[in-house]
Amino acid sequence: KVNKIIGESGVEEDFEVSGDLGEAVGIGCSKVPLFITVVKI
């Protein structure tokens, strides 16, 4: 998990990577296609 660090000006200045494995997030891959091969004989 990555947390944004917002500075005094209200703009993102840095980020912090969480070391807690329980906070890890999955990769959104619900729209990933499968590839199928079709040949002409």
ModelCIF file with pLDDT and N, C-alpha, C, O atoms, coordinates in Angstrom:
data_MODEL
#
_entry.id   MODEL 
#
_entity.id                         1 
_entity.type                       polymer 
_entity.pdbx_number_of_molecules   1 
#
_entity_poly.entity_id                      1 
_entity_poly.type                           'polypeptide(L)' 
_entity_poly.nstd_linkage                   no 
_entity_poly.nstd_monomer                   no 
_entity_poly.pdbx_seq_one_letter_code       KVNKIIGESGVEEDFEVSGDLGEAVGIGCSKVPLFITVVKI 
_entity_poly.pdbx_seq_one_letter_code_can   KVNKIIGESGVEEDFEVSGDLGEAVGIGCSKVPLFITVVKI 
_entity_poly.pdbx_strand_id                 A 
#
loop_
_entity_poly_seq.entity_id 
_entity_poly_seq.num 
_entity_poly_seq.mon_id 
_entity_poly_seq.hetero 
1 1  LYS n 
1 2  VAL n 
1 3  ASN n 
1 4  LYS n 
1 5  ILE n 
1 6  ILE n 
1 7  GLY n 
1 8  GLU n 
1 9  SER n 
1 10 GLY n 
1 11 VAL n 
1 12 GLU n 
1 13 GLU n 
1 14 ASP n 
1 15 PHE n 
1 16 GLU n 
1 17 VAL n 
1 18 SER n 
1 19 GLY n 
1 20 ASP n 
1 21 LEU n 
1 22 GLY n 
1 23 GLU n 
1 24 ALA n 
1 25 VAL n 
1 26 GLY n 
1 27 ILE n 
1 28 GLY n 
1 29 CYS n 
1 30 SER n 
1 31 LYS n 
1 32 VAL n 
1 33 PRO n 
1 34 LEU n 
1 35 PHE n 
1 36 ILE n 
1 37 THR n 
1 38 VAL n 
1 39 VAL n 
1 40 LYS n 
1 41 ILE n 
#
_struct_asym.id          A 
_struct_asym.entity_id   1 
#
loop_
_ma_qa_metric.id 
_ma_qa_metric.mode 
_ma_qa_metric.name 
_ma_qa_metric.software_group_id 
_ma_qa_metric.type 
1 global pLDDT . pLDDT 
2 local  pLDDT . pLDDT 
#
_ma_qa_metric_global.metric_id      1 
_ma_qa_metric_global.metric_value   84.83 
_ma_qa_metric_global.model_id       1 
_ma_qa_metric_global.ordinal_id     1 
#
loop_
_ma_qa_metric_local.label_asym_id 
_ma_qa_metric_local.label_comp_id 
_ma_qa_metric_local.label_seq_id 
_ma_qa_metric_local.metric_id 
_ma_qa_metric_local.metric_value 
_ma_qa_metric_local.model_id 
_ma_qa_metric_local.ordinal_id 
A LYS 1  2 85.00 1 1  
A VAL 2  2 85.00 1 2  
A ASN 3  2 84.00 1 3  
A LYS 4  2 85.00 1 4  
A ILE 5  2 84.00 1 5  
A ILE 6  2 85.00 1 6  
A GLY 7  2 80.00 1 7  
A GLU 8  2 81.00 1 8  
A SER 9  2 82.00 1 9  
A GLY 10 2 81.00 1 10 
A VAL 11 2 84.00 1 11 
A GLU 12 2 81.00 1 12 
A GLU 13 2 80.00 1 13 
A ASP 14 2 84.00 1 14 
A PHE 15 2 84.00 1 15 
A GLU 16 2 85.00 1 16 
A VAL 17 2 85.00 1 17 
A SER 18 2 81.00 1 18 
A GLY 19 2 77.00 1 19 
A ASP 20 2 77.00 1 20 
A LEU 21 2 74.00 1 21 
A GLY 22 2 77.00 1 22 
A GLU 23 2 81.00 1 23 
A ALA 24 2 83.00 1 24 
A VAL 25 2 84.00 1 25 
A GLY 26 2 83.00 1 26 
A ILE 27 2 83.00 1 27 
A GLY 28 2 80.00 1 28 
A CYS 29 2 82.00 1 29 
A SER 30 2 80.00 1 30 
A LYS 31 2 84.00 1 31 
A VAL 32 2 88.00 1 32 
A PRO 33 2 92.00 1 33 
A LEU 34 2 92.00 1 34 
A PHE 35 2 93.00 1 35 
A ILE 36 2 94.00 1 36 
A THR 37 2 95.00 1 37 
A VAL 38 2 96.00 1 38 
A VAL 39 2 96.00 1 39 
A LYS 40 2 96.00 1 40 
A ILE 41 2 95.00 1 41 
#
loop_
_atom_site.group_PDB 
_atom_site.id 
_atom_site.type_symbol 
_atom_site.label_atom_id 
_atom_site.label_alt_id 
_atom_site.label_comp_id 
_atom_site.label_asym_id 
_atom_site.label_entity_id 
_atom_site.label_seq_id 
_atom_site.pdbx_PDB_ins_code 
_atom_site.Cartn_x 
_atom_site.Cartn_y 
_atom_site.Cartn_z 
_atom_site.occupancy 
_atom_site.B_iso_or_equiv 
_atom_site.pdbx_formal_charge 
_atom_site.auth_seq_id 
_atom_site.auth_comp_id 
_atom_site.auth_asym_id 
_atom_site.auth_atom_id 
_atom_site.pdbx_PDB_model_num 
ATOM 1   N N  . LYS A 1 1  ? 0.855   -1.183  0.000   1.00 85.00 ? 1  LYS A N  1 
ATOM 2   C CA . LYS A 1 1  ? 0.000   0.000   0.000   1.00 85.00 ? 1  LYS A CA 1 
ATOM 3   C C  . LYS A 1 1  ? 0.891   1.233   0.000   1.00 85.00 ? 1  LYS A C  1 
ATOM 4   O O  . LYS A 1 1  ? 1.896   1.278   0.709   1.00 85.00 ? 1  LYS A O  1 
ATOM 5   N N  . VAL A 1 2  ? 0.526   2.231   -0.792  1.00 85.00 ? 2  VAL A N  1 
ATOM 6   C CA . VAL A 1 2  ? 1.288   3.467   -0.891  1.00 85.00 ? 2  VAL A CA 1 
ATOM 7   C C  . VAL A 1 2  ? 0.407   4.607   -0.380  1.00 85.00 ? 2  VAL A C  1 
ATOM 8   O O  . VAL A 1 2  ? -0.724  4.781   -0.834  1.00 85.00 ? 2  VAL A O  1 
ATOM 9   N N  . ASN A 1 3  ? 0.928   5.367   0.554   1.00 84.00 ? 3  ASN A N  1 
ATOM 10  C CA . ASN A 1 3  ? 0.205   6.513   1.105   1.00 84.00 ? 3  ASN A CA 1 
ATOM 11  C C  . ASN A 1 3  ? 0.849   7.798   0.615   1.00 84.00 ? 3  ASN A C  1 
ATOM 12  O O  . ASN A 1 3  ? 2.071   7.942   0.645   1.00 84.00 ? 3  ASN A O  1 
ATOM 13  N N  . LYS A 1 4  ? 0.017   8.733   0.160   1.00 85.00 ? 4  LYS A N  1 
ATOM 14  C CA . LYS A 1 4  ? 0.515   10.035  -0.275  1.00 85.00 ? 4  LYS A CA 1 
ATOM 15  C C  . LYS A 1 4  ? 0.819   10.886  0.957   1.00 85.00 ? 4  LYS A C  1 
ATOM 16  O O  . LYS A 1 4  ? 0.121   10.822  1.969   1.00 85.00 ? 4  LYS A O  1 
ATOM 17  N N  . ILE A 1 5  ? 1.867   11.673  0.843   1.00 84.00 ? 5  ILE A N  1 
ATOM 18  C CA . ILE A 1 5  ? 2.198   12.631  1.893   1.00 84.00 ? 5  ILE A CA 1 
ATOM 19  C C  . ILE A 1 5  ? 1.952   14.021  1.315   1.00 84.00 ? 5  ILE A C  1 
ATOM 20  O O  . ILE A 1 5  ? 2.640   14.473  0.399   1.00 84.00 ? 5  ILE A O  1 
ATOM 21  N N  . ILE A 1 6  ? 0.949   14.679  1.885   1.00 85.00 ? 6  ILE A N  1 
ATOM 22  C CA . ILE A 1 6  ? 0.562   16.003  1.409   1.00 85.00 ? 6  ILE A CA 1 
ATOM 23  C C  . ILE A 1 6  ? 1.318   17.049  2.222   1.00 85.00 ? 6  ILE A C  1 
ATOM 24  O O  . ILE A 1 6  ? 1.347   16.996  3.451   1.00 85.00 ? 6  ILE A O  1 
ATOM 25  N N  . GLY A 1 7  ? 1.921   17.988  1.528   1.00 80.00 ? 7  GLY A N  1 
ATOM 26  C CA . GLY A 1 7  ? 2.685   19.040  2.194   1.00 80.00 ? 7  GLY A CA 1 
ATOM 27  C C  . GLY A 1 7  ? 1.802   20.161  2.722   1.00 80.00 ? 7  GLY A C  1 
ATOM 28  O O  . GLY A 1 7  ? 0.579   20.107  2.595   1.00 80.00 ? 7  GLY A O  1 
ATOM 29  N N  . GLU A 1 8  ? 2.411   21.159  3.303   1.00 81.00 ? 8  GLU A N  1 
ATOM 30  C CA . GLU A 1 8  ? 1.687   22.293  3.870   1.00 81.00 ? 8  GLU A CA 1 
ATOM 31  C C  . GLU A 1 8  ? 0.928   23.075  2.809   1.00 81.00 ? 8  GLU A C  1 
ATOM 32  O O  . GLU A 1 8  ? -0.092  23.699  3.103   1.00 81.00 ? 8  GLU A O  1 
ATOM 33  N N  . SER A 1 9  ? 1.423   23.042  1.577   1.00 82.00 ? 9  SER A N  1 
ATOM 34  C CA . SER A 1 9  ? 0.770   23.784  0.490   1.00 82.00 ? 9  SER A CA 1 
ATOM 35  C C  . SER A 1 9  ? -0.451  23.027  -0.063  1.00 82.00 ? 9  SER A C  1 
ATOM 36  O O  . SER A 1 9  ? -1.173  23.542  -0.917  1.00 82.00 ? 9  SER A O  1 
ATOM 37  N N  . GLY A 1 10 ? -0.669  21.801  0.435   1.00 81.00 ? 10 GLY A N  1 
ATOM 38  C CA . GLY A 1 10 ? -1.809  21.015  -0.044  1.00 81.00 ? 10 GLY A CA 1 
ATOM 39  C C  . GLY A 1 10 ? -1.498  20.178  -1.269  1.00 81.00 ? 10 GLY A C  1 
ATOM 40  O O  . GLY A 1 10 ? -2.390  19.537  -1.824  1.00 81.00 ? 10 GLY A O  1 
ATOM 41  N N  . VAL A 1 11 ? -0.249  20.174  -1.695  1.00 84.00 ? 11 VAL A N  1 
ATOM 42  C CA . VAL A 1 11 ? 0.184   19.427  -2.866  1.00 84.00 ? 11 VAL A CA 1 
ATOM 43  C C  . VAL A 1 11 ? 0.936   18.180  -2.406  1.00 84.00 ? 11 VAL A C  1 
ATOM 44  O O  . VAL A 1 11 ? 1.657   18.202  -1.409  1.00 84.00 ? 11 VAL A O  1 
ATOM 45  N N  . GLU A 1 12 ? 0.753   17.103  -3.147  1.00 81.00 ? 12 GLU A N  1 
ATOM 46  C CA . GLU A 1 12 ? 1.474   15.867  -2.824  1.00 81.00 ? 12 GLU A CA 1 
ATOM 47  C C  . GLU A 1 12 ? 2.973   16.114  -2.985  1.00 81.00 ? 12 GLU A C  1 
ATOM 48  O O  . GLU A 1 12 ? 3.442   16.505  -4.054  1.00 81.00 ? 12 GLU A O  1 
ATOM 49  N N  . GLU A 1 13 ? 3.705   15.879  -1.912  1.00 80.00 ? 13 GLU A N  1 
ATOM 50  C CA . GLU A 1 13 ? 5.145   16.116  -1.938  1.00 80.00 ? 13 GLU A CA 1 
ATOM 51  C C  . GLU A 1 13 ? 5.951   14.832  -1.933  1.00 80.00 ? 13 GLU A C  1 
ATOM 52  O O  . GLU A 1 13 ? 7.073   14.801  -2.438  1.00 80.00 ? 13 GLU A O  1 
ATOM 53  N N  . ASP A 1 14 ? 5.392   13.772  -1.367  1.00 84.00 ? 14 ASP A N  1 
ATOM 54  C CA . ASP A 1 14 ? 6.137   12.534  -1.245  1.00 84.00 ? 14 ASP A CA 1 
ATOM 55  C C  . ASP A 1 14 ? 5.133   11.394  -1.085  1.00 84.00 ? 14 ASP A C  1 
ATOM 56  O O  . ASP A 1 14 ? 3.920   11.602  -1.113  1.00 84.00 ? 14 ASP A O  1 
ATOM 57  N N  . PHE A 1 15 ? 5.662   10.204  -0.919  1.00 84.00 ? 15 PHE A N  1 
ATOM 58  C CA . PHE A 1 15 ? 4.807   9.054   -0.658  1.00 84.00 ? 15 PHE A CA 1 
ATOM 59  C C  . PHE A 1 15 ? 5.529   8.122   0.303   1.00 84.00 ? 15 PHE A C  1 
ATOM 60  O O  . PHE A 1 15 ? 6.750   8.170   0.452   1.00 84.00 ? 15 PHE A O  1 
ATOM 61  N N  . GLU A 1 16 ? 4.737   7.270   0.952   1.00 85.00 ? 16 GLU A N  1 
ATOM 62  C CA . GLU A 1 16 ? 5.284   6.323   1.913   1.00 85.00 ? 16 GLU A CA 1 
ATOM 63  C C  . GLU A 1 16 ? 4.772   4.932   1.549   1.00 85.00 ? 16 GLU A C  1 
ATOM 64  O O  . GLU A 1 16 ? 3.574   4.745   1.339   1.00 85.00 ? 16 GLU A O  1 
ATOM 65  N N  . VAL A 1 17 ? 5.667   3.969   1.476   1.00 85.00 ? 17 VAL A N  1 
ATOM 66  C CA . VAL A 1 17 ? 5.307   2.591   1.174   1.00 85.00 ? 17 VAL A CA 1 
ATOM 67  C C  . VAL A 1 17 ? 5.137   1.846   2.490   1.00 85.00 ? 17 VAL A C  1 
ATOM 68  O O  . VAL A 1 17 ? 6.044   1.809   3.322   1.00 85.00 ? 17 VAL A O  1 
ATOM 69  N N  . SER A 1 18 ? 3.961   1.255   2.665   1.00 81.00 ? 18 SER A N  1 
ATOM 70  C CA . SER A 1 18 ? 3.670   0.522   3.894   1.00 81.00 ? 18 SER A CA 1 
ATOM 71  C C  . SER A 1 18 ? 4.451   -0.783  3.927   1.00 81.00 ? 18 SER A C  1 
ATOM 72  O O  . SER A 1 18 ? 4.530   -1.502  2.931   1.00 81.00 ? 18 SER A O  1 
ATOM 73  N N  . GLY A 1 19 ? 5.024   -1.077  5.086   1.00 77.00 ? 19 GLY A N  1 
ATOM 74  C CA . GLY A 1 19 ? 5.750   -2.329  5.257   1.00 77.00 ? 19 GLY A CA 1 
ATOM 75  C C  . GLY A 1 19 ? 4.877   -3.438  5.816   1.00 77.00 ? 19 GLY A C  1 
ATOM 76  O O  . GLY A 1 19 ? 5.349   -4.561  5.996   1.00 77.00 ? 19 GLY A O  1 
ATOM 77  N N  . ASP A 1 20 ? 3.604   -3.145  6.094   1.00 77.00 ? 20 ASP A N  1 
ATOM 78  C CA . ASP A 1 20 ? 2.689   -4.113  6.667   1.00 77.00 ? 20 ASP A CA 1 
ATOM 79  C C  . ASP A 1 20 ? 2.099   -4.981  5.554   1.00 77.00 ? 20 ASP A C  1 
ATOM 80  O O  . ASP A 1 20 ? 1.366   -4.482  4.699   1.00 77.00 ? 20 ASP A O  1 
ATOM 81  N N  . LEU A 1 21 ? 2.419   -6.282  5.563   1.00 74.00 ? 21 LEU A N  1 
ATOM 82  C CA . LEU A 1 21 ? 1.912   -7.185  4.528   1.00 74.00 ? 21 LEU A CA 1 
ATOM 83  C C  . LEU A 1 21 ? 0.391   -7.313  4.552   1.00 74.00 ? 21 LEU A C  1 
ATOM 84  O O  . LEU A 1 21 ? -0.228  -7.632  3.537   1.00 74.00 ? 21 LEU A O  1 
ATOM 85  N N  . GLY A 1 22 ? -0.205  -7.063  5.715   1.00 77.00 ? 22 GLY A N  1 
ATOM 86  C CA . GLY A 1 22 ? -1.658  -7.122  5.816   1.00 77.00 ? 22 GLY A CA 1 
ATOM 87  C C  . GLY A 1 22 ? -2.348  -6.003  5.063   1.00 77.00 ? 22 GLY A C  1 
ATOM 88  O O  . GLY A 1 22 ? -3.533  -6.114  4.749   1.00 77.00 ? 22 GLY A O  1 
ATOM 89  N N  . GLU A 1 23 ? -1.634  -4.925  4.767   1.00 81.00 ? 23 GLU A N  1 
ATOM 90  C CA . GLU A 1 23 ? -2.196  -3.799  4.028   1.00 81.00 ? 23 GLU A CA 1 
ATOM 91  C C  . GLU A 1 23 ? -1.967  -3.908  2.521   1.00 81.00 ? 23 GLU A C  1 
ATOM 92  O O  . GLU A 1 23 ? -2.413  -3.047  1.763   1.00 81.00 ? 23 GLU A O  1 
ATOM 93  N N  . ALA A 1 24 ? -1.282  -4.948  2.089   1.00 83.00 ? 24 ALA A N  1 
ATOM 94  C CA . ALA A 1 24 ? -1.009  -5.103  0.660   1.00 83.00 ? 24 ALA A CA 1 
ATOM 95  C C  . ALA A 1 24 ? -2.324  -5.203  -0.110  1.00 83.00 ? 24 ALA A C  1 
ATOM 96  O O  . ALA A 1 24 ? -3.305  -5.762  0.379   1.00 83.00 ? 24 ALA A O  1 
ATOM 97  N N  . VAL A 1 25 ? -2.326  -4.658  -1.306  1.00 84.00 ? 25 VAL A N  1 
ATOM 98  C CA . VAL A 1 25 ? -3.542  -4.642  -2.125  1.00 84.00 ? 25 VAL A CA 1 
ATOM 99  C C  . VAL A 1 25 ? -3.311  -5.447  -3.407  1.00 84.00 ? 25 VAL A C  1 
ATOM 100 O O  . VAL A 1 25 ? -2.189  -5.562  -3.899  1.00 84.00 ? 25 VAL A O  1 
ATOM 101 N N  . GLY A 1 26 ? -4.405  -5.997  -3.928  1.00 83.00 ? 26 GLY A N  1 
ATOM 102 C CA . GLY A 1 26 ? -4.334  -6.768  -5.168  1.00 83.00 ? 26 GLY A CA 1 
ATOM 103 C C  . GLY A 1 26 ? -4.258  -5.866  -6.389  1.00 83.00 ? 26 GLY A C  1 
ATOM 104 O O  . GLY A 1 26 ? -4.547  -4.670  -6.329  1.00 83.00 ? 26 GLY A O  1 
ATOM 105 N N  . ILE A 1 27 ? -3.867  -6.470  -7.481  1.00 83.00 ? 27 ILE A N  1 
ATOM 106 C CA . ILE A 1 27 ? -3.804  -5.759  -8.756  1.00 83.00 ? 27 ILE A CA 1 
ATOM 107 C C  . ILE A 1 27 ? -5.160  -5.928  -9.422  1.00 83.00 ? 27 ILE A C  1 
ATOM 108 O O  . ILE A 1 27 ? -5.655  -7.048  -9.548  1.00 83.00 ? 27 ILE A O  1 
ATOM 109 N N  . GLY A 1 28 ? -5.758  -4.837  -9.845  1.00 80.00 ? 28 GLY A N  1 
ATOM 110 C CA . GLY A 1 28 ? -7.046  -4.917  -10.532 1.00 80.00 ? 28 GLY A CA 1 
ATOM 111 C C  . GLY A 1 28 ? -6.871  -5.503  -11.921 1.00 80.00 ? 28 GLY A C  1 
ATOM 112 O O  . GLY A 1 28 ? -6.352  -4.839  -12.819 1.00 80.00 ? 28 GLY A O  1 
ATOM 113 N N  . CYS A 1 29 ? -7.299  -6.734  -12.100 1.00 82.00 ? 29 CYS A N  1 
ATOM 114 C CA . CYS A 1 29 ? -7.112  -7.373  -13.407 1.00 82.00 ? 29 CYS A CA 1 
ATOM 115 C C  . CYS A 1 29 ? -8.414  -7.973  -13.926 1.00 82.00 ? 29 CYS A C  1 
ATOM 116 O O  . CYS A 1 29 ? -8.392  -8.950  -14.674 1.00 82.00 ? 29 CYS A O  1 
ATOM 117 N N  . SER A 1 30 ? -9.547  -7.395  -13.533 1.00 80.00 ? 30 SER A N  1 
ATOM 118 C CA . SER A 1 30 ? -10.833 -7.929  -13.967 1.00 80.00 ? 30 SER A CA 1 
ATOM 119 C C  . SER A 1 30 ? -11.076 -7.693  -15.455 1.00 80.00 ? 30 SER A C  1 
ATOM 120 O O  . SER A 1 30 ? -11.883 -8.393  -16.066 1.00 80.00 ? 30 SER A O  1 
ATOM 121 N N  . LYS A 1 31 ? -10.397 -6.729  -16.036 1.00 84.00 ? 31 LYS A N  1 
ATOM 122 C CA . LYS A 1 31 ? -10.591 -6.426  -17.454 1.00 84.00 ? 31 LYS A CA 1 
ATOM 123 C C  . LYS A 1 31 ? -9.478  -6.982  -18.350 1.00 84.00 ? 31 LYS A C  1 
ATOM 124 O O  . LYS A 1 31 ? -9.434  -6.679  -19.543 1.00 84.00 ? 31 LYS A O  1 
ATOM 125 N N  . VAL A 1 32 ? -8.590  -7.784  -17.785 1.00 88.00 ? 32 VAL A N  1 
ATOM 126 C CA . VAL A 1 32 ? -7.499  -8.359  -18.568 1.00 88.00 ? 32 VAL A CA 1 
ATOM 127 C C  . VAL A 1 32 ? -8.068  -9.420  -19.512 1.00 88.00 ? 32 VAL A C  1 
ATOM 128 O O  . VAL A 1 32 ? -8.781  -10.319 -19.065 1.00 88.00 ? 32 VAL A O  1 
ATOM 129 N N  . PRO A 1 33 ? -7.764  -9.330  -20.804 1.00 92.00 ? 33 PRO A N  1 
ATOM 130 C CA . PRO A 1 33 ? -8.306  -10.313 -21.750 1.00 92.00 ? 33 PRO A CA 1 
ATOM 131 C C  . PRO A 1 33 ? -7.471  -11.592 -21.790 1.00 92.00 ? 33 PRO A C  1 
ATOM 132 O O  . PRO A 1 33 ? -6.349  -11.649 -21.285 1.00 92.00 ? 33 PRO A O  1 
ATOM 133 N N  . LEU A 1 34 ? -8.057  -12.607 -22.404 1.00 92.00 ? 34 LEU A N  1 
ATOM 134 C CA . LEU A 1 34 ? -7.311  -13.819 -22.737 1.00 92.00 ? 34 LEU A CA 1 
ATOM 135 C C  . LEU A 1 34 ? -7.026  -13.784 -24.234 1.00 92.00 ? 34 LEU A C  1 
ATOM 136 O O  . LEU A 1 34 ? -7.784  -13.200 -25.007 1.00 92.00 ? 34 LEU A O  1 
ATOM 137 N N  . PHE A 1 35 ? -5.933  -14.412 -24.629 1.00 93.00 ? 35 PHE A N  1 
ATOM 138 C CA . PHE A 1 35 ? -5.527  -14.416 -26.034 1.00 93.00 ? 35 PHE A CA 1 
ATOM 139 C C  . PHE A 1 35 ? -5.776  -15.795 -26.624 1.00 93.00 ? 35 PHE A C  1 
ATOM 140 O O  . PHE A 1 35 ? -5.397  -16.814 -26.046 1.00 93.00 ? 35 PHE A O  1 
ATOM 141 N N  . ILE A 1 36 ? -6.419  -15.809 -27.781 1.00 94.00 ? 36 ILE A N  1 
ATOM 142 C CA . ILE A 1 36 ? -6.768  -17.058 -28.448 1.00 94.00 ? 36 ILE A CA 1 
ATOM 143 C C  . ILE A 1 36 ? -6.161  -17.022 -29.849 1.00 94.00 ? 36 ILE A C  1 
ATOM 144 O O  . ILE A 1 36 ? -6.276  -16.021 -30.557 1.00 94.00 ? 36 ILE A O  1 
ATOM 145 N N  . THR A 1 37 ? -5.520  -18.110 -30.240 1.00 95.00 ? 37 THR A N  1 
ATOM 146 C CA . THR A 1 37 ? -4.910  -18.202 -31.561 1.00 95.00 ? 37 THR A CA 1 
ATOM 147 C C  . THR A 1 37 ? -5.836  -18.951 -32.512 1.00 95.00 ? 37 THR A C  1 
ATOM 148 O O  . THR A 1 37 ? -6.348  -20.025 -32.192 1.00 95.00 ? 37 THR A O  1 
ATOM 149 N N  . VAL A 1 38 ? -6.039  -18.363 -33.684 1.00 96.00 ? 38 VAL A N  1 
ATOM 150 C CA . VAL A 1 38 ? -6.833  -18.987 -34.746 1.00 96.00 ? 38 VAL A CA 1 
ATOM 151 C C  . VAL A 1 38 ? -5.966  -18.997 -35.993 1.00 96.00 ? 38 VAL A C  1 
ATOM 152 O O  . VAL A 1 38 ? -5.411  -17.967 -36.377 1.00 96.00 ? 38 VAL A O  1 
ATOM 153 N N  . VAL A 1 39 ? -5.847  -20.162 -36.627 1.00 96.00 ? 39 VAL A N  1 
ATOM 154 C CA . VAL A 1 39 ? -5.061  -20.257 -37.858 1.00 96.00 ? 39 VAL A CA 1 
ATOM 155 C C  . VAL A 1 39 ? -5.957  -20.649 -39.024 1.00 96.00 ? 39 VAL A C  1 
ATOM 156 O O  . VAL A 1 39 ? -7.033  -21.221 -38.849 1.00 96.00 ? 39 VAL A O  1 
ATOM 157 N N  . LYS A 1 40 ? -5.481  -20.324 -40.208 1.00 96.00 ? 40 LYS A N  1 
ATOM 158 C CA . LYS A 1 40 ? -6.184  -20.670 -41.443 1.00 96.00 ? 40 LYS A CA 1 
ATOM 159 C C  . LYS A 1 40 ? -5.412  -21.784 -42.132 1.00 96.00 ? 40 LYS A C  1 
ATOM 160 O O  . LYS A 1 40 ? -4.248  -21.624 -42.498 1.00 96.00 ? 40 LYS A O  1 
ATOM 161 N N  . ILE A 1 41 ? -6.086  -22.915 -42.301 1.00 95.00 ? 41 ILE A N  1 
ATOM 162 C CA . ILE A 1 41 ? -5.510  -24.042 -43.030 1.00 95.00 ? 41 ILE A CA 1 
ATOM 163 C C  . ILE A 1 41 ? -6.449  -24.315 -44.200 1.00 95.00 ? 41 ILE A C  1 
ATOM 164 O O  . ILE A 1 41 ? -6.202  -25.225 -44.991 1.00 95.00 ? 41 ILE A O  1 
#
